[in-house]
Amino acid sequence: MAKLYFRYGAMNSGKSTNLMQVAHNYEERGMKIIIVKPMTDTKGGEKIVSRLGVTRTVDMVLNSKDEVYSNVEKYIEVNGKIDCILADEIQFFKSNQIDELFKVAVIMDIPVICYGLRTDFQMKGFEGSERLLLLAHSIEEMKTICTCGKKALLNGRKVNGEYVFEGEQIAIDNQDHVEYQSLCPKCYFEYKEKFQEKRNL
């Protein structure tokens, strides 16, 4: 039986780069993969964009109401057998879509490898990630470091160069002067304290 995999990590941990490397490894062996991503991730349009500058066109862009299982079925009918499905920015998928990816792995016997964040900039869980933590056969952390050199676990949001700890959960980086930084818990709380001090002035 194939498995559903969840590879999570803070920003800049190389998730998209790893996804493209896995895709290359499959294709080098003559195997067929498809890459899916949510429409919510507007960065790069219909491409996955790695911070190393590598890009790749995705095969399926799904909105929040799309049925994943039936879309995969239709894709196979038109294009033939699939050996692996790779999903980027999985945190933006809905809970029921994660259930369908689980079903794809179990019923269709196709490995599904998902990449994404576990928590947002306020340390809150994403719907897709929370469901994956419950259902994935395999969960793997992709590690990166904070600017201080310690292991980064959290994601800090910057707007116009300043860390913020309030706002909507979804704001795509490199748009509207929004960017993200991977942070260790200690630095995260230090920046949060400074933010709150400024708010109280």
C-alpha atoms as a PDB file:
ATOM      1  CA  MET A   1       0.000   0.000   0.000  1.00  0.00           C
ATOM      2  CA  ALA A   2       1.228   3.489  -0.883  1.00  0.00           C
ATOM      3  CA  LYS A   3       1.536   6.117   1.840  1.00  0.00           C
ATOM      4  CA  LEU A   4       0.613   9.732   2.512  1.00  0.00           C
ATOM      5  CA  TYR A   5       3.695  11.704   3.550  1.00  0.00           C
ATOM      6  CA  PHE A   6       3.880  15.102   5.273  1.00  0.00           C
ATOM      7  CA  ARG A   7       7.191  16.952   5.081  1.00  0.00           C
ATOM      8  CA  TYR A   8       6.891  20.167   7.053  1.00  0.00           C
ATOM      9  CA  GLY A   9       9.300  22.899   8.007  1.00  0.00           C
ATOM     10  CA  ALA A  10       9.590  26.607   8.781  1.00  0.00           C
ATOM     11  CA  MET A  11      10.071  29.086   5.964  1.00  0.00           C
ATOM     12  CA  ASN A  12      13.322  28.659   4.010  1.00  0.00           C
ATOM     13  CA  SER A  13      13.759  25.009   4.982  1.00  0.00           C
ATOM     14  CA  GLY A  14      13.971  23.932   1.345  1.00  0.00           C
ATOM     15  CA  LYS A  15      10.517  22.365   0.953  1.00  0.00           C
ATOM     16  CA  SER A  16       9.900  23.403  -2.667  1.00  0.00           C
ATOM     17  CA  THR A  17      13.502  22.627  -3.616  1.00  0.00           C
ATOM     18  CA  ASN A  18      13.169  19.142  -2.113  1.00  0.00           C
ATOM     19  CA  LEU A  19       9.895  18.608  -3.957  1.00  0.00           C
ATOM     20  CA  MET A  20      11.555  19.417  -7.283  1.00  0.00           C
ATOM     21  CA  GLN A  21      14.479  17.130  -6.469  1.00  0.00           C
ATOM     22  CA  VAL A  22      12.080  14.271  -5.715  1.00  0.00           C
ATOM     23  CA  ALA A  23      10.285  14.961  -9.011  1.00  0.00           C
ATOM     24  CA  HIS A  24      13.620  14.815 -10.845  1.00  0.00           C
ATOM     25  CA  ASN A  25      14.555  11.537  -9.141  1.00  0.00           C
ATOM     26  CA  TYR A  26      11.294   9.875 -10.223  1.00  0.00           C
ATOM     27  CA  GLU A  27      11.547  11.161 -13.787  1.00  0.00           C
ATOM     28  CA  GLU A  28      15.185  10.148 -14.075  1.00  0.00           C
ATOM     29  CA  ARG A  29      13.968   6.578 -13.537  1.00  0.00           C
ATOM     30  CA  GLY A  30      11.313   6.911 -16.243  1.00  0.00           C
ATOM     31  CA  MET A  31       8.448   7.280 -13.779  1.00  0.00           C
ATOM     32  CA  LYS A  32       5.484   9.659 -14.028  1.00  0.00           C
ATOM     33  CA  ILE A  33       4.742  12.258 -11.355  1.00  0.00           C
ATOM     34  CA  ILE A  34       2.269  15.079 -11.103  1.00  0.00           C
ATOM     35  CA  ILE A  35       2.651  18.235  -9.033  1.00  0.00           C
ATOM     36  CA  VAL A  36      -0.355  19.918  -7.435  1.00  0.00           C
ATOM     37  CA  LYS A  37      -0.693  23.165  -5.535  1.00  0.00           C
ATOM     38  CA  PRO A  38      -3.561  25.272  -4.149  1.00  0.00           C
ATOM     39  CA  MET A  39      -4.883  28.308  -6.001  1.00  0.00           C
ATOM     40  CA  THR A  40      -4.423  30.232  -2.739  1.00  0.00           C
ATOM     41  CA  ASP A  41      -0.672  30.239  -3.384  1.00  0.00           C
ATOM     42  CA  THR A  42      -0.527  33.013  -5.975  1.00  0.00           C
ATOM     43  CA  LYS A  43       3.257  33.302  -5.874  1.00  0.00           C
ATOM     44  CA  GLY A  44       4.588  32.034  -9.176  1.00  0.00           C
ATOM     45  CA  GLY A  45       1.142  31.579 -10.727  1.00  0.00           C
ATOM     46  CA  GLU A  46       1.037  28.053 -12.171  1.00  0.00           C
ATOM     47  CA  LYS A  47       4.638  27.396 -11.177  1.00  0.00           C
ATOM     48  CA  ILE A  48       6.422  26.300  -8.056  1.00  0.00           C
ATOM     49  CA  VAL A  49       9.141  28.786  -7.220  1.00  0.00           C
ATOM     50  CA  SER A  50      12.106  27.763  -5.072  1.00  0.00           C
ATOM     51  CA  ARG A  51      14.055  30.406  -3.189  1.00  0.00           C
ATOM     52  CA  LEU A  52      17.130  29.092  -5.037  1.00  0.00           C
ATOM     53  CA  GLY A  53      15.578  30.433  -8.226  1.00  0.00           C
ATOM     54  CA  VAL A  54      14.470  27.067  -9.635  1.00  0.00           C
ATOM     55  CA  THR A  55      10.937  26.950 -11.056  1.00  0.00           C
ATOM     56  CA  ARG A  56       8.658  24.226 -12.353  1.00  0.00           C
ATOM     57  CA  THR A  57       5.188  24.274 -13.875  1.00  0.00           C
ATOM     58  CA  VAL A  58       2.575  22.411 -11.854  1.00  0.00           C
ATOM     59  CA  ASP A  59       0.164  19.906 -13.392  1.00  0.00           C
ATOM     60  CA  MET A  60      -2.867  20.749 -11.296  1.00  0.00           C
ATOM     61  CA  VAL A  61      -3.875  23.975  -9.508  1.00  0.00           C
ATOM     62  CA  LEU A  62      -6.792  23.311  -7.162  1.00  0.00           C
ATOM     63  CA  ASN A  63      -9.206  25.739  -5.575  1.00  0.00           C
ATOM     64  CA  SER A  64     -10.707  25.124  -2.149  1.00  0.00           C
ATOM     65  CA  LYS A  65     -13.845  23.482  -3.585  1.00  0.00           C
ATOM     66  CA  ASP A  66     -12.137  21.105  -6.035  1.00  0.00           C
ATOM     67  CA  GLU A  67     -12.455  17.387  -5.352  1.00  0.00           C
ATOM     68  CA  VAL A  68      -8.928  16.022  -5.375  1.00  0.00           C
ATOM     69  CA  TYR A  69      -9.802  12.334  -5.814  1.00  0.00           C
ATOM     70  CA  SER A  70     -11.988  12.854  -8.901  1.00  0.00           C
ATOM     71  CA  ASN A  71      -9.445  15.263 -10.419  1.00  0.00           C
ATOM     72  CA  VAL A  72      -6.720  12.639 -10.070  1.00  0.00           C
ATOM     73  CA  GLU A  73      -9.024  10.017 -11.608  1.00  0.00           C
ATOM     74  CA  LYS A  74      -9.691  12.277 -14.609  1.00  0.00           C
ATOM     75  CA  TYR A  75      -5.996  13.054 -15.004  1.00  0.00           C
ATOM     76  CA  ILE A  76      -5.152   9.338 -15.117  1.00  0.00           C
ATOM     77  CA  GLU A  77      -7.912   8.671 -17.654  1.00  0.00           C
ATOM     78  CA  VAL A  78      -6.389  11.255 -20.017  1.00  0.00           C
ATOM     79  CA  ASN A  79      -2.675  10.896 -19.297  1.00  0.00           C
ATOM     80  CA  GLY A  80      -2.202   7.347 -18.011  1.00  0.00           C
ATOM     81  CA  LYS A  81      -0.629   5.866 -14.866  1.00  0.00           C
ATOM     82  CA  ILE A  82       0.888   8.075 -12.159  1.00  0.00           C
ATOM     83  CA  ASP A  83       3.729   6.836  -9.950  1.00  0.00           C
ATOM     84  CA  CYS A  84       3.696   9.660  -7.384  1.00  0.00           C
ATOM     85  CA  ILE A  85       1.826  12.867  -6.508  1.00  0.00           C
ATOM     86  CA  LEU A  86       3.759  15.801  -5.061  1.00  0.00           C
ATOM     87  CA  ALA A  87       1.793  18.584  -3.333  1.00  0.00           C
ATOM     88  CA  ASP A  88       3.272  21.983  -2.482  1.00  0.00           C
ATOM     89  CA  GLU A  89       1.958  24.578   0.019  1.00  0.00           C
ATOM     90  CA  ILE A  90      -0.232  21.852   1.490  1.00  0.00           C
ATOM     91  CA  GLN A  91      -1.202  24.016   4.471  1.00  0.00           C
ATOM     92  CA  PHE A  92      -3.630  25.886   2.201  1.00  0.00           C
ATOM     93  CA  PHE A  93      -5.621  22.754   1.314  1.00  0.00           C
ATOM     94  CA  LYS A  94      -8.942  22.089   3.047  1.00  0.00           C
ATOM     95  CA  SER A  95      -9.375  19.242   5.529  1.00  0.00           C
ATOM     96  CA  ASN A  96     -11.606  17.258   3.165  1.00  0.00           C
ATOM     97  CA  GLN A  97      -8.990  17.599   0.409  1.00  0.00           C
ATOM     98  CA  ILE A  98      -6.399  16.050   2.723  1.00  0.00           C
ATOM     99  CA  ASP A  99      -8.856  13.191   3.328  1.00  0.00           C
ATOM    100  CA  GLU A 100      -9.045  12.709  -0.439  1.00  0.00           C
ATOM    101  CA  LEU A 101      -5.254  12.655  -0.796  1.00  0.00           C
ATOM    102  CA  PHE A 102      -5.211  10.004   1.915  1.00  0.00           C
ATOM    103  CA  LYS A 103      -7.766   8.040  -0.091  1.00  0.00           C
ATOM    104  CA  VAL A 104      -5.651   8.437  -3.262  1.00  0.00           C
ATOM    105  CA  ALA A 105      -2.685   6.862  -1.455  1.00  0.00           C
ATOM    106  CA  VAL A 106      -4.720   4.020   0.076  1.00  0.00           C
ATOM    107  CA  ILE A 107      -7.235   3.186  -2.676  1.00  0.00           C
ATOM    108  CA  MET A 108      -5.306   4.139  -5.824  1.00  0.00           C
ATOM    109  CA  ASP A 109      -2.017   2.940  -4.327  1.00  0.00           C
ATOM    110  CA  ILE A 110      -0.195   6.132  -5.392  1.00  0.00           C
ATOM    111  CA  PRO A 111       2.348   7.678  -2.979  1.00  0.00           C
ATOM    112  CA  VAL A 112       1.406  11.268  -2.080  1.00  0.00           C
ATOM    113  CA  ILE A 113       4.180  13.487  -0.710  1.00  0.00           C
ATOM    114  CA  CYS A 114       2.995  16.789   0.784  1.00  0.00           C
ATOM    115  CA  TYR A 115       5.152  19.804   1.619  1.00  0.00           C
ATOM    116  CA  GLY A 116       4.118  22.763   3.732  1.00  0.00           C
ATOM    117  CA  LEU A 117       4.115  24.764   6.935  1.00  0.00           C
ATOM    118  CA  ARG A 118       2.849  23.400  10.218  1.00  0.00           C
ATOM    119  CA  THR A 119       1.967  26.742  11.841  1.00  0.00           C
ATOM    120  CA  ASP A 120       1.370  30.338  10.755  1.00  0.00           C
ATOM    121  CA  PHE A 121       3.060  33.549  11.961  1.00  0.00           C
ATOM    122  CA  GLN A 122       0.906  33.542  15.103  1.00  0.00           C
ATOM    123  CA  MET A 123       1.790  29.921  15.993  1.00  0.00           C
ATOM    124  CA  LYS A 124      -1.681  28.768  14.929  1.00  0.00           C
ATOM    125  CA  GLY A 125      -2.205  25.652  12.863  1.00  0.00           C
ATOM    126  CA  PHE A 126      -3.320  25.593   9.244  1.00  0.00           C
ATOM    127  CA  GLU A 127      -6.364  23.498   8.362  1.00  0.00           C
ATOM    128  CA  GLY A 128      -4.533  21.313   5.850  1.00  0.00           C
ATOM    129  CA  SER A 129      -1.519  20.762   8.086  1.00  0.00           C
ATOM    130  CA  GLU A 130      -3.590  19.899  11.133  1.00  0.00           C
ATOM    131  CA  ARG A 131      -5.451  17.228   9.183  1.00  0.00           C
ATOM    132  CA  LEU A 132      -2.206  15.850   7.782  1.00  0.00           C
ATOM    133  CA  LEU A 133      -0.718  15.547  11.261  1.00  0.00           C
ATOM    134  CA  LEU A 134      -3.632  13.232  12.065  1.00  0.00           C
ATOM    135  CA  LEU A 135      -3.687  11.174   8.868  1.00  0.00           C
ATOM    136  CA  ALA A 136      -0.224  11.021   7.325  1.00  0.00           C
ATOM    137  CA  HIS A 137       1.497   7.642   7.413  1.00  0.00           C
ATOM    138  CA  SER A 138       4.853   9.416   7.669  1.00  0.00           C
ATOM    139  CA  ILE A 139       5.677  12.842   9.137  1.00  0.00           C
ATOM    140  CA  GLU A 140       9.116  14.368   8.605  1.00  0.00           C
ATOM    141  CA  GLU A 141      10.511  17.693   9.759  1.00  0.00           C
ATOM    142  CA  MET A 142      12.677  19.637   7.314  1.00  0.00           C
ATOM    143  CA  LYS A 143      15.103  21.651   9.389  1.00  0.00           C
ATOM    144  CA  THR A 144      16.459  25.159   8.992  1.00  0.00           C
ATOM    145  CA  ILE A 145      18.079  27.764  11.239  1.00  0.00           C
ATOM    146  CA  CYS A 146      17.142  31.110  12.704  1.00  0.00           C
ATOM    147  CA  THR A 147      19.268  34.208  12.048  1.00  0.00           C
ATOM    148  CA  CYS A 148      20.788  33.631  15.504  1.00  0.00           C
ATOM    149  CA  GLY A 149      22.004  30.182  14.446  1.00  0.00           C
ATOM    150  CA  LYS A 150      19.596  28.115  16.539  1.00  0.00           C
ATOM    151  CA  LYS A 151      17.071  25.676  15.078  1.00  0.00           C
ATOM    152  CA  ALA A 152      14.074  27.504  13.612  1.00  0.00           C
ATOM    153  CA  LEU A 153      10.619  26.178  14.500  1.00  0.00           C
ATOM    154  CA  LEU A 154       8.402  29.192  13.866  1.00  0.00           C
ATOM    155  CA  ASN A 155       7.580  31.678  11.113  1.00  0.00           C
ATOM    156  CA  GLY A 156       7.802  35.435  11.565  1.00  0.00           C
ATOM    157  CA  ARG A 157       5.881  37.779   9.253  1.00  0.00           C
ATOM    158  CA  LYS A 158       7.426  41.071   8.223  1.00  0.00           C
ATOM    159  CA  VAL A 159       5.477  43.926   6.679  1.00  0.00           C
ATOM    160  CA  ASN A 160       7.635  46.716   5.260  1.00  0.00           C
ATOM    161  CA  GLY A 161      10.617  45.245   7.109  1.00  0.00           C
ATOM    162  CA  GLU A 162       8.967  45.125  10.541  1.00  0.00           C
ATOM    163  CA  TYR A 163       7.786  41.973  12.334  1.00  0.00           C
ATOM    164  CA  VAL A 164       4.021  41.878  12.909  1.00  0.00           C
ATOM    165  CA  PHE A 165       1.965  39.482  15.016  1.00  0.00           C
ATOM    166  CA  GLU A 166      -1.565  40.457  13.986  1.00  0.00           C
ATOM    167  CA  GLY A 167      -3.477  40.094  10.748  1.00  0.00           C
ATOM    168  CA  GLU A 168      -5.068  37.562   8.423  1.00  0.00           C
ATOM    169  CA  GLN A 169      -3.602  34.065   8.377  1.00  0.00           C
ATOM    170  CA  ILE A 170      -2.853  34.131   4.648  1.00  0.00           C
ATOM    171  CA  ALA A 171      -0.638  36.795   3.104  1.00  0.00           C
ATOM    172  CA  ILE A 172       1.633  35.580   0.307  1.00  0.00           C
ATOM    173  CA  ASP A 173       5.271  36.608   0.642  1.00  0.00           C
ATOM    174  CA  ASN A 174       6.856  39.023  -1.839  1.00  0.00           C
ATOM    175  CA  GLN A 175       3.457  40.694  -2.292  1.00  0.00           C
ATOM    176  CA  ASP A 176       2.391  43.967  -0.658  1.00  0.00           C
ATOM    177  CA  HIS A 177       5.800  44.182   1.043  1.00  0.00           C
ATOM    178  CA  VAL A 178       5.121  40.991   3.012  1.00  0.00           C
ATOM    179  CA  GLU A 179       7.981  38.594   3.713  1.00  0.00           C
ATOM    180  CA  TYR A 180       8.608  35.727   6.106  1.00  0.00           C
ATOM    181  CA  GLN A 181      11.556  34.708   8.243  1.00  0.00           C
ATOM    182  CA  SER A 182      12.184  31.398   9.977  1.00  0.00           C
ATOM    183  CA  LEU A 183      12.761  31.976  13.690  1.00  0.00           C
ATOM    184  CA  CYS A 184      13.727  30.011  16.774  1.00  0.00           C
ATOM    185  CA  PRO A 185      11.185  30.286  19.623  1.00  0.00           C
ATOM    186  CA  LYS A 186      13.430  32.615  21.670  1.00  0.00           C
ATOM    187  CA  CYS A 187      13.840  35.154  18.856  1.00  0.00           C
ATOM    188  CA  TYR A 188      10.143  34.854  17.998  1.00  0.00           C
ATOM    189  CA  PHE A 189       9.100  35.886  21.505  1.00  0.00           C
ATOM    190  CA  GLU A 190      11.688  38.689  21.606  1.00  0.00           C
ATOM    191  CA  TYR A 191      10.342  40.174  18.370  1.00  0.00           C
ATOM    192  CA  LYS A 192       6.772  39.723  19.612  1.00  0.00           C
ATOM    193  CA  GLU A 193       7.559  41.576  22.846  1.00  0.00           C
ATOM    194  CA  LYS A 194       9.067  44.489  20.873  1.00  0.00           C
ATOM    195  CA  PHE A 195       5.987  44.546  18.648  1.00  0.00           C
ATOM    196  CA  GLN A 196       3.674  44.720  21.664  1.00  0.00           C
ATOM    197  CA  GLU A 197       5.794  47.454  23.274  1.00  0.00           C
ATOM    198  CA  LYS A 198       5.450  49.592  20.133  1.00  0.00           C
ATOM    199  CA  ARG A 199       1.691  49.016  20.109  1.00  0.00           C
ATOM    200  CA  ASN A 200       1.462  50.237  23.712  1.00  0.00           C
ATOM    201  CA  LEU A 201       3.382  53.482  23.141  1.00  0.00           C
END
